[in-house]
PDB file of N, CA and C in Angstrom:
ATOM      1  N   MET A   1    -123.907  97.652  67.595  1.00  0.00           N
ATOM      2  CA  MET A   1    -124.189  97.018  66.569  1.00  0.00           C
ATOM      3  C   MET A   1    -125.463  97.243  65.761  1.00  0.00           C
ATOM      4  N   LYS A   2    -125.509  96.498  65.061  1.00  0.00           N
ATOM      5  CA  LYS A   2    -127.029  96.327  64.034  1.00  0.00           C
ATOM      6  C   LYS A   2    -127.210  95.342  64.397  1.00  0.00           C
ATOM      7  N   VAL A   3    -128.842  94.863  64.943  1.00  0.00           N
ATOM      8  CA  VAL A   3    -129.586  93.690  64.651  1.00  0.00           C
ATOM      9  C   VAL A   3    -130.693  92.754  64.464  1.00  0.00           C
ATOM     10  N   VAL A   4    -130.002  91.416  63.116  1.00  0.00           N
ATOM     11  CA  VAL A   4    -130.846  91.879  61.790  1.00  0.00           C
ATOM     12  C   VAL A   4    -132.106  90.316  62.513  1.00  0.00           C
ATOM     13  N   VAL A   5    -133.201  90.484  62.448  1.00  0.00           N
ATOM     14  CA  VAL A   5    -134.442  90.224  62.594  1.00  0.00           C
ATOM     15  C   VAL A   5    -135.111  89.492  61.194  1.00  0.00           C
ATOM     16  N   LYS A   6    -134.698  88.099  61.384  1.00  0.00           N
ATOM     17  CA  LYS A   6    -135.831  86.930  60.252  1.00  0.00           C
ATOM     18  C   LYS A   6    -136.924  87.578  61.122  1.00  0.00           C
ATOM     19  N   ARG A   7    -137.902  87.699  60.058  1.00  0.00           N
ATOM     20  CA  ARG A   7    -139.370  87.507  60.528  1.00  0.00           C
ATOM     21  C   ARG A   7    -139.923  85.833  59.636  1.00  0.00           C
ATOM     22  N   LYS A   8    -139.982  85.626  59.575  1.00  0.00           N
ATOM     23  CA  LYS A   8    -140.242  83.577  58.813  1.00  0.00           C
ATOM     24  C   LYS A   8    -141.336  84.250  57.867  1.00  0.00           C
ATOM     25  N   ASP A   9    -141.919  85.167  58.133  1.00  0.00           N
ATOM     26  CA  ASP A   9    -143.911  85.204  58.015  1.00  0.00           C
ATOM     27  C   ASP A   9    -143.941  86.107  57.447  1.00  0.00           C
ATOM     28  N   ALA A  10    -143.248  86.773  57.093  1.00  0.00           N
ATOM     29  CA  ALA A  10    -143.109  88.470  55.926  1.00  0.00           C
ATOM     30  C   ALA A  10    -143.068  87.282  55.024  1.00  0.00           C
ATOM     31  N   ILE A  11    -143.655  88.833  54.226  1.00  0.00           N
ATOM     32  CA  ILE A  11    -144.665  88.375  52.472  1.00  0.00           C
ATOM     33  C   ILE A  11    -143.255  88.989  51.788  1.00  0.00           C
ATOM     34  N   PRO A  12    -142.487  88.953  50.545  1.00  0.00           N
ATOM     35  CA  PRO A  12    -141.001  89.232  50.915  1.00  0.00           C
ATOM     36  C   PRO A  12    -141.815  89.710  49.601  1.00  0.00           C
ATOM     37  N   VAL A  13    -140.973  90.707  49.461  1.00  0.00           N
ATOM     38  CA  VAL A  13    -141.553  91.720  48.352  1.00  0.00           C
ATOM     39  C   VAL A  13    -139.630  92.226  47.251  1.00  0.00           C
ATOM     40  N   GLU A  14    -139.715  91.647  46.757  1.00  0.00           N
ATOM     41  CA  GLU A  14    -138.436  91.597  45.771  1.00  0.00           C
ATOM     42  C   GLU A  14    -138.191  92.879  44.557  1.00  0.00           C
ATOM     43  N   ILE A  15    -136.510  93.829  45.319  1.00  0.00           N
ATOM     44  CA  ILE A  15    -136.699  94.781  44.133  1.00  0.00           C
ATOM     45  C   ILE A  15    -135.429  94.287  43.619  1.00  0.00           C
ATOM     46  N   SER A  16    -135.657  94.986  42.614  1.00  0.00           N
ATOM     47  CA  SER A  16    -133.885  94.116  41.717  1.00  0.00           C
ATOM     48  C   SER A  16    -133.134  96.392  41.976  1.00  0.00           C
ATOM     49  N   THR A  17    -133.408  97.173  42.679  1.00  0.00           N
ATOM     50  CA  THR A  17    -132.628  97.942  42.726  1.00  0.00           C
ATOM     51  C   THR A  17    -131.584  97.915  44.101  1.00  0.00           C
ATOM     52  N   ASP A  18    -130.743  99.102  44.494  1.00  0.00           N
ATOM     53  CA  ASP A  18    -130.431  99.136  46.171  1.00  0.00           C
ATOM     54  C   ASP A  18    -131.404  99.747  46.685  1.00  0.00           C
ATOM     55  N   TYR A  19    -132.828 100.339  46.638  1.00  0.00           N
ATOM     56  CA  TYR A  19    -133.951 100.422  47.641  1.00  0.00           C
ATOM     57  C   TYR A  19    -134.381 100.417  46.887  1.00  0.00           C
ATOM     58  N   ILE A  20    -135.633 101.110  47.687  1.00  0.00           N
ATOM     59  CA  ILE A  20    -137.027 100.744  47.330  1.00  0.00           C
ATOM     60  C   ILE A  20    -137.537 102.680  48.207  1.00  0.00           C
ATOM     61  N   LYS A  21    -138.233 103.085  48.272  1.00  0.00           N
ATOM     62  CA  LYS A  21    -139.570 104.396  49.037  1.00  0.00           C
ATOM     63  C   LYS A  21    -141.039 103.613  49.101  1.00  0.00           C
ATOM     64  N   LEU A  22    -140.917 104.037  50.404  1.00  0.00           N
ATOM     65  CA  LEU A  22    -141.637 103.085  51.291  1.00  0.00           C
ATOM     66  C   LEU A  22    -142.913 103.222  50.184  1.00  0.00           C
ATOM     67  N   GLN A  23    -143.307 104.176  49.983  1.00  0.00           N
ATOM     68  CA  GLN A  23    -144.889 104.339  49.533  1.00  0.00           C
ATOM     69  C   GLN A  23    -144.322 103.359  47.904  1.00  0.00           C
ATOM     70  N   ASP A  24    -143.050 103.673  47.050  1.00  0.00           N
ATOM     71  CA  ASP A  24    -143.611 102.354  46.601  1.00  0.00           C
ATOM     72  C   ASP A  24    -143.469 100.491  46.633  1.00  0.00           C
ATOM     73  N   ALA A  25    -143.207 100.301  47.891  1.00  0.00           N
ATOM     74  CA  ALA A  25    -143.008  99.259  48.379  1.00  0.00           C
ATOM     75  C   ALA A  25    -144.323  98.672  48.891  1.00  0.00           C
ATOM     76  N   MET A  26    -144.894  99.840  49.305  1.00  0.00           N
ATOM     77  CA  MET A  26    -145.758  99.682  49.235  1.00  0.00           C
ATOM     78  C   MET A  26    -147.179  99.034  48.380  1.00  0.00           C
ATOM     79  N   LYS A  27    -147.127  99.907  47.508  1.00  0.00           N
ATOM     80  CA  LYS A  27    -147.597  99.974  45.442  1.00  0.00           C
ATOM     81  C   LYS A  27    -147.118  98.336  45.159  1.00  0.00           C
ATOM     82  N   LEU A  28    -146.209  97.576  45.911  1.00  0.00           N
ATOM     83  CA  LEU A  28    -145.419  96.875  45.220  1.00  0.00           C
ATOM     84  C   LEU A  28    -145.650  95.851  45.595  1.00  0.00           C
ATOM     85  N   ALA A  29    -145.720  95.530  47.306  1.00  0.00           N
ATOM     86  CA  ALA A  29    -146.604  94.102  47.547  1.00  0.00           C
ATOM     87  C   ALA A  29    -148.406  94.498  47.440  1.00  0.00           C
ATOM     88  N   ASN A  30    -148.655  95.244  46.375  1.00  0.00           N
ATOM     89  CA  ASN A  30    -150.065  95.166  46.776  1.00  0.00           C
ATOM     90  C   ASN A  30    -150.769  95.602  48.528  1.00  0.00           C
ATOM     91  N   ALA A  31    -149.666  96.187  49.332  1.00  0.00           N
ATOM     92  CA  ALA A  31    -149.925  96.923  50.757  1.00  0.00           C
ATOM     93  C   ALA A  31    -151.222  98.315  50.176  1.00  0.00           C
ATOM     94  N   ALA A  32    -150.814  98.598  48.758  1.00  0.00           N
ATOM     95  CA  ALA A  32    -151.641  99.759  49.094  1.00  0.00           C
ATOM     96  C   ALA A  32    -151.658  99.280  47.046  1.00  0.00           C
ATOM     97  N   ALA A  33    -152.907 100.275  47.182  1.00  0.00           N
ATOM     98  CA  ALA A  33    -153.724  99.846  46.137  1.00  0.00           C
ATOM     99  C   ALA A  33    -153.348 101.499  45.286  1.00  0.00           C
ATOM    100  N   THR A  34    -152.722 102.288  45.142  1.00  0.00           N
ATOM    101  CA  THR A  34    -152.552 103.534  44.480  1.00  0.00           C
ATOM    102  C   THR A  34    -151.238 104.269  45.855  1.00  0.00           C
ATOM    103  N   GLY A  35    -150.116 104.946  44.848  1.00  0.00           N
ATOM    104  CA  GLY A  35    -149.279 106.103  45.518  1.00  0.00           C
ATOM    105  C   GLY A  35    -149.872 107.482  46.224  1.00  0.00           C
ATOM    106  N   GLY A  36    -150.869 107.664  46.076  1.00  0.00           N
ATOM    107  CA  GLY A  36    -152.290 107.936  46.745  1.00  0.00           C
ATOM    108  C   GLY A  36    -152.697 107.791  47.657  1.00  0.00           C
ATOM    109  N   GLU A  37    -153.140 106.221  47.830  1.00  0.00           N
ATOM    110  CA  GLU A  37    -153.762 105.946  49.451  1.00  0.00           C
ATOM    111  C   GLU A  37    -152.525 105.712  50.140  1.00  0.00           C
ATOM    112  N   ALA A  38    -150.732 105.254  50.004  1.00  0.00           N
ATOM    113  CA  ALA A  38    -150.192 104.452  50.543  1.00  0.00           C
ATOM    114  C   ALA A  38    -149.030 105.614  50.916  1.00  0.00           C
ATOM    115  N   LYS A  39    -149.139 107.058  50.300  1.00  0.00           N
ATOM    116  CA  LYS A  39    -148.839 108.771  51.524  1.00  0.00           C
ATOM    117  C   LYS A  39    -149.882 108.835  52.277  1.00  0.00           C
ATOM    118  N   LEU A  40    -150.880 108.323  52.008  1.00  0.00           N
ATOM    119  CA  LEU A  40    -151.961 109.093  53.605  1.00  0.00           C
ATOM    120  C   LEU A  40    -151.545 107.490  53.654  1.00  0.00           C
ATOM    121  N   LEU A  41    -151.308 107.008  54.782  1.00  0.00           N
ATOM    122  CA  LEU A  41    -151.487 105.398  55.332  1.00  0.00           C
ATOM    123  C   LEU A  41    -150.658 106.088  55.643  1.00  0.00           C
ATOM    124  N   ILE A  42    -149.602 105.713  55.017  1.00  0.00           N
ATOM    125  CA  ILE A  42    -148.213 106.364  55.865  1.00  0.00           C
ATOM    126  C   ILE A  42    -147.351 107.760  56.446  1.00  0.00           C
ATOM    127  N   GLN A  43    -148.786 108.782  56.202  1.00  0.00           N
ATOM    128  CA  GLN A  43    -148.363 110.008  56.964  1.00  0.00           C
ATOM    129  C   GLN A  43    -149.489 109.944  58.729  1.00  0.00           C
ATOM    130  N   ASP A  44    -151.122 109.124  57.521  1.00  0.00           N
ATOM    131  CA  ASP A  44    -151.330 109.057  59.304  1.00  0.00           C
ATOM    132  C   ASP A  44    -151.200 107.904  60.748  1.00  0.00           C
ATOM    133  N   GLY A  45    -149.069 107.411  60.158  1.00  0.00           N
ATOM    134  CA  GLY A  45    -149.154 106.986  60.592  1.00  0.00           C
ATOM    135  C   GLY A  45    -149.368 105.460  61.674  1.00  0.00           C
ATOM    136  N   GLN A  46    -149.686 104.794  60.664  1.00  0.00           N
ATOM    137  CA  GLN A  46    -150.183 103.449  60.115  1.00  0.00           C
ATOM    138  C   GLN A  46    -149.122 102.542  59.890  1.00  0.00           C
ATOM    139  N   VAL A  47    -148.427 103.035  59.492  1.00  0.00           N
ATOM    140  CA  VAL A  47    -147.198 101.694  59.046  1.00  0.00           C
ATOM    141  C   VAL A  47    -145.784 101.918  59.604  1.00  0.00           C
ATOM    142  N   SER A  48    -145.421 100.671  60.156  1.00  0.00           N
ATOM    143  CA  SER A  48    -144.137 100.266  60.585  1.00  0.00           C
ATOM    144  C   SER A  48    -143.447 100.727  60.044  1.00  0.00           C
ATOM    145  N   VAL A  49    -141.765 100.643  59.968  1.00  0.00           N
ATOM    146  CA  VAL A  49    -141.150 100.303  59.162  1.00  0.00           C
ATOM    147  C   VAL A  49    -139.883  99.688  60.708  1.00  0.00           C
ATOM    148  N   ASN A  50    -139.346  98.601  60.655  1.00  0.00           N
ATOM    149  CA  ASN A  50    -137.946  98.072  60.981  1.00  0.00           C
ATOM    150  C   ASN A  50    -139.169  97.961  63.057  1.00  0.00           C
ATOM    151  N   GLY A  51    -139.925  98.166  62.922  1.00  0.00           N
ATOM    152  CA  GLY A  51    -140.307  98.235  64.456  1.00  0.00           C
ATOM    153  C   GLY A  51    -141.027  99.434  64.769  1.00  0.00           C
ATOM    154  N   GLU A  52    -140.717 100.622  64.166  1.00  0.00           N
ATOM    155  CA  GLU A  52    -141.095 102.082  64.314  1.00  0.00           C
ATOM    156  C   GLU A  52    -141.688 102.928  63.168  1.00  0.00           C
ATOM    157  N   ILE A  53    -142.943 103.530  63.720  1.00  0.00           N
ATOM    158  CA  ILE A  53    -144.259 104.049  62.977  1.00  0.00           C
ATOM    159  C   ILE A  53    -142.677 104.985  62.520  1.00  0.00           C
ATOM    160  N   CYS A  54    -143.172 105.066  61.440  1.00  0.00           N
ATOM    161  CA  CYS A  54    -142.616 106.106  60.194  1.00  0.00           C
ATOM    162  C   CYS A  54    -143.482 106.586  59.559  1.00  0.00           C
ATOM    163  N   GLN A  55    -143.724 107.744  59.347  1.00  0.00           N
ATOM    164  CA  GLN A  55    -144.226 109.210  58.576  1.00  0.00           C
ATOM    165  C   GLN A  55    -143.659 109.187  57.549  1.00  0.00           C
ATOM    166  N   MET A  56    -141.909 108.883  56.503  1.00  0.00           N
ATOM    167  CA  MET A  56    -141.859 109.727  55.842  1.00  0.00           C
ATOM    168  C   MET A  56    -141.801 108.377  54.981  1.00  0.00           C
ATOM    169  N   ARG A  57    -143.145 109.160  53.642  1.00  0.00           N
ATOM    170  CA  ARG A  57    -142.867 108.672  52.102  1.00  0.00           C
ATOM    171  C   ARG A  57    -141.958 107.740  52.002  1.00  0.00           C
ATOM    172  N   GLY A  58    -141.109 108.905  51.879  1.00  0.00           N
ATOM    173  CA  GLY A  58    -139.607 108.729  51.525  1.00  0.00           C
ATOM    174  C   GLY A  58    -139.012 108.369  51.595  1.00  0.00           C
ATOM    175  N   LYS A  59    -139.351 107.327  52.736  1.00  0.00           N
ATOM    176  CA  LYS A  59    -138.220 106.347  53.501  1.00  0.00           C
ATOM    177  C   LYS A  59    -137.476 105.973  52.958  1.00  0.00           C
ATOM    178  N   LYS A  60    -136.229 105.028  52.622  1.00  0.00           N
ATOM    179  CA  LYS A  60    -135.433 104.448  51.301  1.00  0.00           C
ATOM    180  C   LYS A  60    -135.555 102.860  52.307  1.00  0.00           C
ATOM    181  N   LEU A  61    -136.057 101.565  52.170  1.00  0.00           N
ATOM    182  CA  LEU A  61    -135.679 100.791  52.418  1.00  0.00           C
ATOM    183  C   LEU A  61    -135.309  99.705  51.631  1.00  0.00           C
ATOM    184  N   TYR A  62    -134.776  99.341  52.784  1.00  0.00           N
ATOM    185  CA  TYR A  62    -132.393  98.377  51.541  1.00  0.00           C
ATOM    186  C   TYR A  62    -132.598  96.867  52.251  1.00  0.00           C
ATOM    187  N   PRO A  63    -132.925  95.812  51.004  1.00  0.00           N
ATOM    188  CA  PRO A  63    -132.643  94.489  50.992  1.00  0.00           C
ATOM    189  C   PRO A  63    -132.054  94.519  52.917  1.00  0.00           C
ATOM    190  N   GLY A  64    -133.697  93.719  53.527  1.00  0.00           N
ATOM    191  CA  GLY A  64    -133.296  93.641  55.358  1.00  0.00           C
ATOM    192  C   GLY A  64    -134.131  93.717  55.396  1.00  0.00           C
ATOM    193  N   ASP A  65    -133.969  94.962  55.521  1.00  0.00           N
ATOM    194  CA  ASP A  65    -135.543  96.144  56.173  1.00  0.00           C
ATOM    195  C   ASP A  65    -137.291  95.892  55.805  1.00  0.00           C
ATOM    196  N   TRP A  66    -137.440  96.019  56.990  1.00  0.00           N
ATOM    197  CA  TRP A  66    -139.527  95.312  56.347  1.00  0.00           C
ATOM    198  C   TRP A  66    -140.095  96.033  57.235  1.00  0.00           C
ATOM    199  N   PHE A  67    -141.524  96.340  56.282  1.00  0.00           N
ATOM    200  CA  PHE A  67    -142.396  97.391  56.974  1.00  0.00           C
ATOM    201  C   PHE A  67    -144.020  96.650  57.428  1.00  0.00           C
ATOM    202  N   ALA A  68    -144.407  96.997  58.315  1.00  0.00           N
ATOM    203  CA  ALA A  68    -145.680  96.288  58.256  1.00  0.00           C
ATOM    204  C   ALA A  68    -147.089  97.369  58.808  1.00  0.00           C
ATOM    205  N   TYR A  69    -148.334  96.808  58.323  1.00  0.00           N
ATOM    206  CA  TYR A  69    -149.568  97.452  58.025  1.00  0.00           C
ATOM    207  C   TYR A  69    -150.706  96.267  58.471  1.00  0.00           C
ATOM    208  N   GLN A  70    -150.954  96.869  58.653  1.00  0.00           N
ATOM    209  CA  GLN A  70    -152.262  95.848  59.454  1.00  0.00           C
ATOM    210  C   GLN A  70    -152.925  94.314  59.536  1.00  0.00           C
ATOM    211  N   GLY A  71    -151.526  94.700  60.455  1.00  0.00           N
ATOM    212  CA  GLY A  71    -150.999  93.289  60.824  1.00  0.00           C
ATOM    213  C   GLY A  71    -150.353  92.451  59.510  1.00  0.00           C
ATOM    214  N   GLN A  72    -149.849  92.429  58.626  1.00  0.00           N
ATOM    215  CA  GLN A  72    -148.999  92.075  57.847  1.00  0.00           C
ATOM    216  C   GLN A  72    -147.623  92.254  57.755  1.00  0.00           C
ATOM    217  N   THR A  73    -146.521  91.917  57.876  1.00  0.00           N
ATOM    218  CA  THR A  73    -144.834  92.655  57.448  1.00  0.00           C
ATOM    219  C   THR A  73    -144.898  91.942  56.477  1.00  0.00           C
ATOM    220  N   TYR A  74    -143.911  93.101  55.751  1.00  0.00           N
ATOM    221  CA  TYR A  74    -143.550  92.330  54.305  1.00  0.00           C
ATOM    222  C   TYR A  74    -141.895  93.307  54.507  1.00  0.00           C
ATOM    223  N   ARG A  75    -140.831  91.721  53.398  1.00  0.00           N
ATOM    224  CA  ARG A  75    -139.160  91.708  53.594  1.00  0.00           C
ATOM    225  C   ARG A  75    -139.001  91.920  53.165  1.00  0.00           C
ATOM    226  N   ILE A  76    -138.422  93.553  52.928  1.00  0.00           N
ATOM    227  CA  ILE A  76    -137.824  93.559  51.564  1.00  0.00           C
ATOM    228  C   ILE A  76    -136.054  93.050  50.982  1.00  0.00           C
ATOM    229  N   CYS A  77    -135.827  91.910  49.927  1.00  0.00           N
ATOM    230  CA  CYS A  77    -135.776  91.510  49.526  1.00  0.00           C
ATOM    231  C   CYS A  77    -134.706  92.419  48.351  1.00  0.00           C
ATOM    232  N   GLY A  78    -133.803  91.678  48.470  1.00  0.00           N
ATOM    233  CA  GLY A  78    -132.143  92.049  46.929  1.00  0.00           C
ATOM    234  C   GLY A  78    -133.422  91.296  45.569  1.00  0.00           C
ATOM    235  N   HIS A  79    -132.688  91.235  44.511  1.00  0.00           N
ATOM    236  CA  HIS A  79    -132.629  90.030  43.459  1.00  0.00           C
ATOM    237  C   HIS A  79    -131.214  89.875  43.365  1.00  0.00           C
ATOM    238  N   ALA A  80    -131.793  87.904  42.411  1.00  0.00           N
ATOM    239  CA  ALA A  80    -130.452  88.316  42.513  1.00  0.00           C
ATOM    240  C   ALA A  80    -129.901  87.686  41.620  1.00  0.00           C
ATOM    241  N   ALA A  81    -128.696  88.729  41.580  1.00  0.00           N
ATOM    242  CA  ALA A  81    -127.918  88.752  39.869  1.00  0.00           C
ATOM    243  C   ALA A  81    -127.808  86.938  39.151  1.00  0.00           C
ATOM    244  N   GLY A  82    -128.080  87.279  38.424  1.00  0.00           N
ATOM    245  CA  GLY A  82    -128.071  86.351  37.530  1.00  0.00           C
ATOM    246  C   GLY A  82    -127.171  86.099  36.083  1.00  0.00           C
TER     247      GLY A  82
END
């Protein structure tokens, strides 16, 4: 059984696709200035995904997933169809 933890302090990162790659999510959330910076931060083990260190910059994040960097948490949110 998967336990979903809602993080009230997380900054929402809204996507309009089914998923987003970690390095792209970092750029979208302004957690990294460039893709190159995001790549280095991820490969250096400075980013966690759903509570675990992740060194895969291509890691797919889906709505409900969250990542953390430098004490800030970001939550992936799906775009409401309208």
